[in-house]
Amino acid sequence: MKWLTVFLLALVGLIQYPLWLGKGGWLRVREVDQQINDQREINTRLKTRNAALEADVGDLKRGYEAIEERARSELGMIKQDEVFFEVLEGSGRNPKKLR
């Protein structure tokens, strides 16, 4: 009877091995599921980024306002006959007085 119990326990163990540790086992399924969720998050972020880039390209193709805005903000350009004033924030301290 003892040998039969050992044999049946070994048989159950052999049957359980592929379920837990095999190629299509529970652990592998959980790992792949996590990878799929991570990739979906990445895809969502990339879709949002692509939509923003597509909108920028459309603006640049349609008119000069977007081009002018980029030239002003990124390149620091100004129009002809235009005066540029730069306002600097103070450091919060009083300037030293000269004697």
PDB file of N, CA and C in Angstrom:
ATOM      1  N   MET A   1       0.820  -1.195   0.000  1.00  0.00           N
ATOM      2  CA  MET A   1       0.000   0.000   0.000  1.00  0.00           C
ATOM      3  C   MET A   1       0.866   1.262   0.000  1.00  0.00           C
ATOM      4  N   LYS A   2       2.006   1.184   0.722  1.00  0.00           N
ATOM      5  CA  LYS A   2       2.899   2.327   0.793  1.00  0.00           C
ATOM      6  C   LYS A   2       3.447   2.681  -0.591  1.00  0.00           C
ATOM      7  N   TRP A   3       3.789   1.680  -1.368  1.00  0.00           N
ATOM      8  CA  TRP A   3       4.341   1.907  -2.710  1.00  0.00           C
ATOM      9  C   TRP A   3       3.296   2.507  -3.643  1.00  0.00           C
ATOM     10  N   LEU A   4       2.087   2.102  -3.468  1.00  0.00           N
ATOM     11  CA  LEU A   4       1.010   2.646  -4.295  1.00  0.00           C
ATOM     12  C   LEU A   4       0.812   4.135  -4.019  1.00  0.00           C
ATOM     13  N   THR A   5       0.873   4.514  -2.739  1.00  0.00           N
ATOM     14  CA  THR A   5       0.740   5.929  -2.373  1.00  0.00           C
ATOM     15  C   THR A   5       1.882   6.743  -2.961  1.00  0.00           C
ATOM     16  N   VAL A   6       3.094   6.248  -2.846  1.00  0.00           N
ATOM     17  CA  VAL A   6       4.266   6.940  -3.402  1.00  0.00           C
ATOM     18  C   VAL A   6       4.132   7.041  -4.914  1.00  0.00           C
ATOM     19  N   PHE A   7       3.698   5.956  -5.552  1.00  0.00           N
ATOM     20  CA  PHE A   7       3.528   5.969  -7.005  1.00  0.00           C
ATOM     21  C   PHE A   7       2.474   6.990  -7.444  1.00  0.00           C
ATOM     22  N   LEU A   8       1.352   7.035  -6.733  1.00  0.00           N
ATOM     23  CA  LEU A   8       0.289   7.976  -7.083  1.00  0.00           C
ATOM     24  C   LEU A   8       0.724   9.424  -6.844  1.00  0.00           C
ATOM     25  N   LEU A   9       1.448   9.687  -5.772  1.00  0.00           N
ATOM     26  CA  LEU A   9       1.967  11.039  -5.517  1.00  0.00           C
ATOM     27  C   LEU A   9       2.961  11.460  -6.603  1.00  0.00           C
ATOM     28  N   ALA A  10       3.805  10.539  -7.021  1.00  0.00           N
ATOM     29  CA  ALA A  10       4.755  10.830  -8.097  1.00  0.00           C
ATOM     30  C   ALA A  10       4.014  11.093  -9.405  1.00  0.00           C
ATOM     31  N   LEU A  11       2.983  10.337  -9.663  1.00  0.00           N
ATOM     32  CA  LEU A  11       2.187  10.524 -10.871  1.00  0.00           C
ATOM     33  C   LEU A  11       1.495  11.884 -10.863  1.00  0.00           C
ATOM     34  N   VAL A  12       0.933  12.274  -9.714  1.00  0.00           N
ATOM     35  CA  VAL A  12       0.303  13.590  -9.594  1.00  0.00           C
ATOM     36  C   VAL A  12       1.340  14.684  -9.801  1.00  0.00           C
ATOM     37  N   GLY A  13       2.527  14.503  -9.244  1.00  0.00           N
ATOM     38  CA  GLY A  13       3.611  15.476  -9.422  1.00  0.00           C
ATOM     39  C   GLY A  13       4.005  15.612 -10.886  1.00  0.00           C
ATOM     40  N   LEU A  14       4.102  14.500 -11.588  1.00  0.00           N
ATOM     41  CA  LEU A  14       4.444  14.531 -13.013  1.00  0.00           C
ATOM     42  C   LEU A  14       3.357  15.212 -13.843  1.00  0.00           C
ATOM     43  N   ILE A  15       2.120  15.018 -13.454  1.00  0.00           N
ATOM     44  CA  ILE A  15       1.012  15.657 -14.172  1.00  0.00           C
ATOM     45  C   ILE A  15       0.997  17.157 -13.897  1.00  0.00           C
ATOM     46  N   GLN A  16       1.333  17.547 -12.670  1.00  0.00           N
ATOM     47  CA  GLN A  16       1.315  18.962 -12.295  1.00  0.00           C
ATOM     48  C   GLN A  16       2.484  19.752 -12.880  1.00  0.00           C
ATOM     49  N   TYR A  17       3.596  19.122 -13.164  1.00  0.00           N
ATOM     50  CA  TYR A  17       4.778  19.829 -13.648  1.00  0.00           C
ATOM     51  C   TYR A  17       4.497  20.683 -14.891  1.00  0.00           C
ATOM     52  N   PRO A  18       3.902  20.118 -15.944  1.00  0.00           N
ATOM     53  CA  PRO A  18       3.648  20.963 -17.118  1.00  0.00           C
ATOM     54  C   PRO A  18       2.660  22.097 -16.838  1.00  0.00           C
ATOM     55  N   LEU A  19       1.745  21.861 -15.902  1.00  0.00           N
ATOM     56  CA  LEU A  19       0.759  22.883 -15.574  1.00  0.00           C
ATOM     57  C   LEU A  19       1.426  24.105 -14.941  1.00  0.00           C
ATOM     58  N   TRP A  20       2.410  23.888 -14.084  1.00  0.00           N
ATOM     59  CA  TRP A  20       3.040  24.994 -13.367  1.00  0.00           C
ATOM     60  C   TRP A  20       4.312  25.496 -14.040  1.00  0.00           C
ATOM     61  N   LEU A  21       5.144  24.610 -14.539  1.00  0.00           N
ATOM     62  CA  LEU A  21       6.466  25.002 -15.015  1.00  0.00           C
ATOM     63  C   LEU A  21       6.705  24.742 -16.495  1.00  0.00           C
ATOM     64  N   GLY A  22       5.765  24.168 -17.181  1.00  0.00           N
ATOM     65  CA  GLY A  22       5.952  23.835 -18.585  1.00  0.00           C
ATOM     66  C   GLY A  22       5.862  25.047 -19.502  1.00  0.00           C
ATOM     67  N   LYS A  23       5.958  24.796 -20.799  1.00  0.00           N
ATOM     68  CA  LYS A  23       5.957  25.852 -21.809  1.00  0.00           C
ATOM     69  C   LYS A  23       4.693  26.704 -21.751  1.00  0.00           C
ATOM     70  N   GLY A  24       3.559  26.101 -21.529  1.00  0.00           N
ATOM     71  CA  GLY A  24       2.301  26.833 -21.443  1.00  0.00           C
ATOM     72  C   GLY A  24       1.754  26.865 -20.036  1.00  0.00           C
ATOM     73  N   GLY A  25       2.634  26.777 -19.049  1.00  0.00           N
ATOM     74  CA  GLY A  25       2.207  26.716 -17.654  1.00  0.00           C
ATOM     75  C   GLY A  25       1.724  28.055 -17.123  1.00  0.00           C
ATOM     76  N   TRP A  26       1.190  28.007 -15.905  1.00  0.00           N
ATOM     77  CA  TRP A  26       0.611  29.198 -15.287  1.00  0.00           C
ATOM     78  C   TRP A  26       1.631  30.316 -15.122  1.00  0.00           C
ATOM     79  N   LEU A  27       2.832  29.974 -14.730  1.00  0.00           N
ATOM     80  CA  LEU A  27       3.857  31.000 -14.527  1.00  0.00           C
ATOM     81  C   LEU A  27       4.198  31.705 -15.835  1.00  0.00           C
ATOM     82  N   ARG A  28       4.328  30.940 -16.895  1.00  0.00           N
ATOM     83  CA  ARG A  28       4.634  31.531 -18.212  1.00  0.00           C
ATOM     84  C   ARG A  28       3.465  32.386 -18.705  1.00  0.00           C
ATOM     85  N   VAL A  29       2.247  31.945 -18.458  1.00  0.00           N
ATOM     86  CA  VAL A  29       1.065  32.708 -18.872  1.00  0.00           C
ATOM     87  C   VAL A  29       1.016  34.045 -18.141  1.00  0.00           C
ATOM     88  N   ARG A  30       1.311  34.053 -16.846  1.00  0.00           N
ATOM     89  CA  ARG A  30       1.325  35.306 -16.082  1.00  0.00           C
ATOM     90  C   ARG A  30       2.409  36.246 -16.593  1.00  0.00           C
ATOM     91  N   GLU A  31       3.568  35.696 -16.904  1.00  0.00           N
ATOM     92  CA  GLU A  31       4.677  36.505 -17.416  1.00  0.00           C
ATOM     93  C   GLU A  31       4.321  37.143 -18.761  1.00  0.00           C
ATOM     94  N   VAL A  32       3.761  36.371 -19.656  1.00  0.00           N
ATOM     95  CA  VAL A  32       3.367  36.882 -20.967  1.00  0.00           C
ATOM     96  C   VAL A  32       2.239  37.902 -20.831  1.00  0.00           C
ATOM     97  N   ASP A  33       1.315  37.665 -19.931  1.00  0.00           N
ATOM     98  CA  ASP A  33       0.224  38.608 -19.699  1.00  0.00           C
ATOM     99  C   ASP A  33       0.761  39.959 -19.222  1.00  0.00           C
ATOM    100  N   GLN A  34       1.755  39.938 -18.339  1.00  0.00           N
ATOM    101  CA  GLN A  34       2.369  41.175 -17.862  1.00  0.00           C
ATOM    102  C   GLN A  34       3.088  41.894 -19.006  1.00  0.00           C
ATOM    103  N   GLN A  35       3.768  41.149 -19.859  1.00  0.00           N
ATOM    104  CA  GLN A  35       4.446  41.749 -21.011  1.00  0.00           C
ATOM    105  C   GLN A  35       3.435  42.399 -21.963  1.00  0.00           C
ATOM    106  N   ILE A  36       2.310  41.752 -22.148  1.00  0.00           N
ATOM    107  CA  ILE A  36       1.266  42.312 -23.017  1.00  0.00           C
ATOM    108  C   ILE A  36       0.725  43.608 -22.433  1.00  0.00           C
ATOM    109  N   ASN A  37       0.470  43.640 -21.131  1.00  0.00           N
ATOM    110  CA  ASN A  37      -0.025  44.867 -20.494  1.00  0.00           C
ATOM    111  C   ASN A  37       0.991  45.998 -20.592  1.00  0.00           C
ATOM    112  N   ASP A  38       2.269  45.689 -20.385  1.00  0.00           N
ATOM    113  CA  ASP A  38       3.316  46.705 -20.517  1.00  0.00           C
ATOM    114  C   ASP A  38       3.364  47.254 -21.936  1.00  0.00           C
ATOM    115  N   GLN A  39       3.266  46.372 -22.916  1.00  0.00           N
ATOM    116  CA  GLN A  39       3.320  46.805 -24.310  1.00  0.00           C
ATOM    117  C   GLN A  39       2.100  47.642 -24.683  1.00  0.00           C
ATOM    118  N   ARG A  40       0.951  47.323 -24.126  1.00  0.00           N
ATOM    119  CA  ARG A  40      -0.250  48.130 -24.391  1.00  0.00           C
ATOM    120  C   ARG A  40      -0.081  49.549 -23.859  1.00  0.00           C
ATOM    121  N   GLU A  41       0.525  49.693 -22.674  1.00  0.00           N
ATOM    122  CA  GLU A  41       0.778  51.018 -22.122  1.00  0.00           C
ATOM    123  C   GLU A  41       1.744  51.805 -23.008  1.00  0.00           C
ATOM    124  N   ILE A  42       2.780  51.135 -23.467  1.00  0.00           N
ATOM    125  CA  ILE A  42       3.745  51.784 -24.370  1.00  0.00           C
ATOM    126  C   ILE A  42       3.053  52.209 -25.652  1.00  0.00           C
ATOM    127  N   ASN A  43       2.226  51.349 -26.207  1.00  0.00           N
ATOM    128  CA  ASN A  43       1.513  51.667 -27.448  1.00  0.00           C
ATOM    129  C   ASN A  43       0.582  52.859 -27.276  1.00  0.00           C
ATOM    130  N   THR A  44      -0.091  52.934 -26.127  1.00  0.00           N
ATOM    131  CA  THR A  44      -0.990  54.062 -25.863  1.00  0.00           C
ATOM    132  C   THR A  44      -0.212  55.376 -25.835  1.00  0.00           C
ATOM    133  N   ARG A  45       0.933  55.371 -25.134  1.00  0.00           N
ATOM    134  CA  ARG A  45       1.762  56.589 -25.093  1.00  0.00           C
ATOM    135  C   ARG A  45       2.260  56.972 -26.478  1.00  0.00           C
ATOM    136  N   LEU A  46       2.673  55.980 -27.261  1.00  0.00           N
ATOM    137  CA  LEU A  46       3.183  56.267 -28.604  1.00  0.00           C
ATOM    138  C   LEU A  46       2.076  56.764 -29.531  1.00  0.00           C
ATOM    139  N   LYS A  47       0.863  56.237 -29.379  1.00  0.00           N
ATOM    140  CA  LYS A  47      -0.254  56.727 -30.186  1.00  0.00           C
ATOM    141  C   LYS A  47      -0.552  58.185 -29.877  1.00  0.00           C
ATOM    142  N   THR A  48      -0.491  58.547 -28.598  1.00  0.00           N
ATOM    143  CA  THR A  48      -0.713  59.940 -28.201  1.00  0.00           C
ATOM    144  C   THR A  48       0.373  60.838 -28.793  1.00  0.00           C
ATOM    145  N   ARG A  49       1.594  60.384 -28.708  1.00  0.00           N
ATOM    146  CA  ARG A  49       2.720  61.154 -29.269  1.00  0.00           C
ATOM    147  C   ARG A  49       2.588  61.295 -30.784  1.00  0.00           C
ATOM    148  N   ASN A  50       2.222  60.223 -31.452  1.00  0.00           N
ATOM    149  CA  ASN A  50       2.048  60.270 -32.905  1.00  0.00           C
ATOM    150  C   ASN A  50       0.931  61.222 -33.306  1.00  0.00           C
ATOM    151  N   ALA A  51      -0.153  61.238 -32.539  1.00  0.00           N
ATOM    152  CA  ALA A  51      -1.249  62.157 -32.843  1.00  0.00           C
ATOM    153  C   ALA A  51      -0.793  63.602 -32.699  1.00  0.00           C
ATOM    154  N   ALA A  52       0.004  63.903 -31.667  1.00  0.00           N
ATOM    155  CA  ALA A  52       0.518  65.266 -31.491  1.00  0.00           C
ATOM    156  C   ALA A  52       1.449  65.646 -32.630  1.00  0.00           C
ATOM    157  N   LEU A  53       2.302  64.735 -33.032  1.00  0.00           N
ATOM    158  CA  LEU A  53       3.212  65.007 -34.150  1.00  0.00           C
ATOM    159  C   LEU A  53       2.445  65.192 -35.460  1.00  0.00           C
ATOM    160  N   GLU A  54       1.420  64.391 -35.647  1.00  0.00           N
ATOM    161  CA  GLU A  54       0.595  64.512 -36.852  1.00  0.00           C
ATOM    162  C   GLU A  54      -0.106  65.870 -36.887  1.00  0.00           C
ATOM    163  N   ALA A  55      -0.572  66.329 -35.738  1.00  0.00           N
ATOM    164  CA  ALA A  55      -1.206  67.647 -35.671  1.00  0.00           C
ATOM    165  C   ALA A  55      -0.198  68.745 -35.984  1.00  0.00           C
ATOM    166  N   ASP A  56       1.029  68.607 -35.474  1.00  0.00           N
ATOM    167  CA  ASP A  56       2.079  69.589 -35.772  1.00  0.00           C
ATOM    168  C   ASP A  56       2.392  69.627 -37.260  1.00  0.00           C
ATOM    169  N   VAL A  57       2.488  68.468 -37.869  1.00  0.00           N
ATOM    170  CA  VAL A  57       2.772  68.414 -39.310  1.00  0.00           C
ATOM    171  C   VAL A  57       1.640  69.061 -40.095  1.00  0.00           C
ATOM    172  N   GLY A  58       0.405  68.780 -39.707  1.00  0.00           N
ATOM    173  CA  GLY A  58      -0.737  69.402 -40.382  1.00  0.00           C
ATOM    174  C   GLY A  58      -0.717  70.908 -40.251  1.00  0.00           C
ATOM    175  N   ASP A  59      -0.405  71.426 -39.061  1.00  0.00           N
ATOM    176  CA  ASP A  59      -0.310  72.877 -38.866  1.00  0.00           C
ATOM    177  C   ASP A  59       0.786  73.480 -39.726  1.00  0.00           C
ATOM    178  N   LEU A  60       1.918  72.807 -39.799  1.00  0.00           N
ATOM    179  CA  LEU A  60       3.032  73.329 -40.595  1.00  0.00           C
ATOM    180  C   LEU A  60       2.709  73.316 -42.090  1.00  0.00           C
ATOM    181  N   LYS A  61       1.921  72.358 -42.533  1.00  0.00           N
ATOM    182  CA  LYS A  61       1.547  72.286 -43.949  1.00  0.00           C
ATOM    183  C   LYS A  61       0.495  73.325 -44.312  1.00  0.00           C
ATOM    184  N   ARG A  62      -0.394  73.675 -43.378  1.00  0.00           N
ATOM    185  CA  ARG A  62      -1.539  74.538 -43.689  1.00  0.00           C
ATOM    186  C   ARG A  62      -1.217  76.032 -43.684  1.00  0.00           C
ATOM    187  N   GLY A  63      -0.360  76.478 -42.811  1.00  0.00           N
ATOM    188  CA  GLY A  63      -0.192  77.919 -42.734  1.00  0.00           C
ATOM    189  C   GLY A  63       1.128  78.327 -42.146  1.00  0.00           C
ATOM    190  N   TYR A  64       1.314  79.644 -42.125  1.00  0.00           N
ATOM    191  CA  TYR A  64       2.572  80.184 -41.655  1.00  0.00           C
ATOM    192  C   TYR A  64       2.579  80.482 -40.158  1.00  0.00           C
ATOM    193  N   GLU A  65       1.435  80.435 -39.509  1.00  0.00           N
ATOM    194  CA  GLU A  65       1.403  80.744 -38.082  1.00  0.00           C
ATOM    195  C   GLU A  65       2.243  79.754 -37.271  1.00  0.00           C
ATOM    196  N   ALA A  66       2.131  78.479 -37.594  1.00  0.00           N
ATOM    197  CA  ALA A  66       2.891  77.476 -36.856  1.00  0.00           C
ATOM    198  C   ALA A  66       4.384  77.622 -37.125  1.00  0.00           C
ATOM    199  N   ILE A  67       4.732  77.926 -38.372  1.00  0.00           N
ATOM    200  CA  ILE A  67       6.141  78.123 -38.716  1.00  0.00           C
ATOM    201  C   ILE A  67       6.690  79.333 -37.972  1.00  0.00           C
ATOM    202  N   GLU A  68       5.916  80.413 -37.955  1.00  0.00           N
ATOM    203  CA  GLU A  68       6.344  81.625 -37.259  1.00  0.00           C
ATOM    204  C   GLU A  68       6.488  81.367 -35.755  1.00  0.00           C
ATOM    205  N   GLU A  69       5.557  80.637 -35.184  1.00  0.00           N
ATOM    206  CA  GLU A  69       5.615  80.331 -33.756  1.00  0.00           C
ATOM    207  C   GLU A  69       6.864  79.533 -33.412  1.00  0.00           C
ATOM    208  N   ARG A  70       7.192  78.546 -34.228  1.00  0.00           N
ATOM    209  CA  ARG A  70       8.404  77.751 -33.987  1.00  0.00           C
ATOM    210  C   ARG A  70       9.663  78.584 -34.166  1.00  0.00           C
ATOM    211  N   ALA A  71       9.677  79.451 -35.173  1.00  0.00           N
ATOM    212  CA  ALA A  71      10.847  80.301 -35.383  1.00  0.00           C
ATOM    213  C   ALA A  71      11.061  81.224 -34.192  1.00  0.00           C
ATOM    214  N   ARG A  72       9.983  81.739 -33.642  1.00  0.00           N
ATOM    215  CA  ARG A  72      10.105  82.638 -32.482  1.00  0.00           C
ATOM    216  C   ARG A  72      10.534  81.889 -31.227  1.00  0.00           C
ATOM    217  N   SER A  73       9.895  80.759 -30.933  1.00  0.00           N
ATOM    218  CA  SER A  73      10.156  80.081 -29.665  1.00  0.00           C
ATOM    219  C   SER A  73      11.445  79.263 -29.684  1.00  0.00           C
ATOM    220  N   GLU A  74      11.702  78.554 -30.764  1.00  0.00           N
ATOM    221  CA  GLU A  74      12.854  77.660 -30.784  1.00  0.00           C
ATOM    222  C   GLU A  74      14.122  78.330 -31.297  1.00  0.00           C
ATOM    223  N   LEU A  75      13.980  79.247 -32.235  1.00  0.00           N
ATOM    224  CA  LEU A  75      15.161  79.868 -32.829  1.00  0.00           C
ATOM    225  C   LEU A  75      15.396  81.294 -32.361  1.00  0.00           C
ATOM    226  N   GLY A  76      14.435  81.873 -31.651  1.00  0.00           N
ATOM    227  CA  GLY A  76      14.588  83.236 -31.146  1.00  0.00           C
ATOM    228  C   GLY A  76      14.541  84.292 -32.236  1.00  0.00           C
ATOM    229  N   MET A  77      13.861  84.017 -33.313  1.00  0.00           N
ATOM    230  CA  MET A  77      13.799  84.955 -34.440  1.00  0.00           C
ATOM    231  C   MET A  77      12.710  86.001 -34.205  1.00  0.00           C
ATOM    232  N   ILE A  78      12.895  87.158 -34.826  1.00  0.00           N
ATOM    233  CA  ILE A  78      11.890  88.220 -34.779  1.00  0.00           C
ATOM    234  C   ILE A  78      11.657  88.717 -36.195  1.00  0.00           C
ATOM    235  N   LYS A  79      10.529  89.392 -36.392  1.00  0.00           N
ATOM    236  CA  LYS A  79      10.192  89.928 -37.716  1.00  0.00           C
ATOM    237  C   LYS A  79      11.018  91.180 -37.991  1.00  0.00           C
ATOM    238  N   GLN A  80      11.073  91.519 -39.243  1.00  0.00           N
ATOM    239  CA  GLN A  80      11.754  92.753 -39.640  1.00  0.00           C
ATOM    240  C   GLN A  80      10.966  93.945 -39.089  1.00  0.00           C
ATOM    241  N   ASP A  81      11.655  94.976 -38.655  1.00  0.00           N
ATOM    242  CA  ASP A  81      11.073  96.190 -38.073  1.00  0.00           C
ATOM    243  C   ASP A  81      10.334  95.887 -36.765  1.00  0.00           C
ATOM    244  N   GLU A  82      10.735  94.862 -36.074  1.00  0.00           N
ATOM    245  CA  GLU A  82      10.123  94.502 -34.815  1.00  0.00           C
ATOM    246  C   GLU A  82      11.169  94.708 -33.714  1.00  0.00           C
ATOM    247  N   VAL A  83      10.738  95.185 -32.565  1.00  0.00           N
ATOM    248  CA  VAL A  83      11.653  95.431 -31.461  1.00  0.00           C
ATOM    249  C   VAL A  83      11.464  94.331 -30.428  1.00  0.00           C
ATOM    250  N   PHE A  84      12.571  93.807 -29.960  1.00  0.00           N
ATOM    251  CA  PHE A  84      12.544  92.705 -29.005  1.00  0.00           C
ATOM    252  C   PHE A  84      12.960  93.223 -27.636  1.00  0.00           C
ATOM    253  N   PHE A  85      12.128  92.962 -26.636  1.00  0.00           N
ATOM    254  CA  PHE A  85      12.439  93.313 -25.253  1.00  0.00           C
ATOM    255  C   PHE A  85      12.491  92.028 -24.449  1.00  0.00           C
ATOM    256  N   GLU A  86      13.546  91.879 -23.648  1.00  0.00           N
ATOM    257  CA  GLU A  86      13.660  90.718 -22.773  1.00  0.00           C
ATOM    258  C   GLU A  86      13.547  91.208 -21.338  1.00  0.00           C
ATOM    259  N   VAL A  87      12.594  90.684 -20.618  1.00  0.00           N
ATOM    260  CA  VAL A  87      12.371  91.079 -19.231  1.00  0.00           C
ATOM    261  C   VAL A  87      12.965  89.997 -18.350  1.00  0.00           C
ATOM    262  N   LEU A  88      13.918  90.374 -17.526  1.00  0.00           N
ATOM    263  CA  LEU A  88      14.571  89.426 -16.630  1.00  0.00           C
ATOM    264  C   LEU A  88      13.995  89.581 -15.237  1.00  0.00           C
ATOM    265  N   GLU A  89      13.733  88.470 -14.602  1.00  0.00           N
ATOM    266  CA  GLU A  89      13.228  88.481 -13.239  1.00  0.00           C
ATOM    267  C   GLU A  89      14.395  88.789 -12.310  1.00  0.00           C
ATOM    268  N   GLY A  90      14.144  89.573 -11.263  1.00  0.00           N
ATOM    269  CA  GLY A  90      15.183  89.883 -10.292  1.00  0.00           C
ATOM    270  C   GLY A  90      15.481  88.700  -9.410  1.00  0.00           C
ATOM    271  N   SER A  91      16.614  88.742  -8.730  1.00  0.00           N
ATOM    272  CA  SER A  91      17.005  87.645  -7.858  1.00  0.00           C
ATOM    273  C   SER A  91      16.353  87.740  -6.496  1.00  0.00           C
ATOM    274  N   GLY A  92      15.618  88.827  -6.226  1.00  0.00           N
ATOM    275  CA  GLY A  92      14.932  88.972  -4.951  1.00  0.00           C
ATOM    276  C   GLY A  92      15.767  89.719  -3.929  1.00  0.00           C
ATOM    277  N   ARG A  93      17.004  90.048  -4.254  1.00  0.00           N
ATOM    278  CA  ARG A  93      17.873  90.778  -3.339  1.00  0.00           C
ATOM    279  C   ARG A  93      17.989  92.227  -3.807  1.00  0.00           C
ATOM    280  N   ASN A  94      18.268  93.090  -2.877  1.00  0.00           N
ATOM    281  CA  ASN A  94      18.492  94.504  -3.215  1.00  0.00           C
ATOM    282  C   ASN A  94      19.886  94.657  -3.818  1.00  0.00           C
ATOM    283  N   PRO A  95      20.015  95.446  -4.873  1.00  0.00           N
ATOM    284  CA  PRO A  95      21.346  95.655  -5.448  1.00  0.00           C
ATOM    285  C   PRO A  95      22.232  96.413  -4.476  1.00  0.00           C
ATOM    286  N   LYS A  96      23.517  96.166  -4.552  1.00  0.00           N
ATOM    287  CA  LYS A  96      24.468  96.841  -3.669  1.00  0.00           C
ATOM    288  C   LYS A  96      24.589  98.306  -4.074  1.00  0.00           C
ATOM    289  N   LYS A  97      24.679  99.162  -3.095  1.00  0.00           N
ATOM    290  CA  LYS A  97      24.828 100.586  -3.369  1.00  0.00           C
ATOM    291  C   LYS A  97      26.290 100.920  -3.526  1.00  0.00           C
ATOM    292  N   LEU A  98      26.583 101.769  -4.508  1.00  0.00           N
ATOM    293  CA  LEU A  98      27.949 102.223  -4.709  1.00  0.00           C
ATOM    294  C   LEU A  98      28.233 103.421  -3.830  1.00  0.00           C
ATOM    295  N   ARG A  99      29.407 103.561  -3.268  1.00  0.00           N
ATOM    296  CA  ARG A  99      29.752 104.704  -2.420  1.00  0.00           C
ATOM    297  C   ARG A  99      30.718 105.606  -3.089  1.00  0.00           C
TER     298      ARG A  99
END
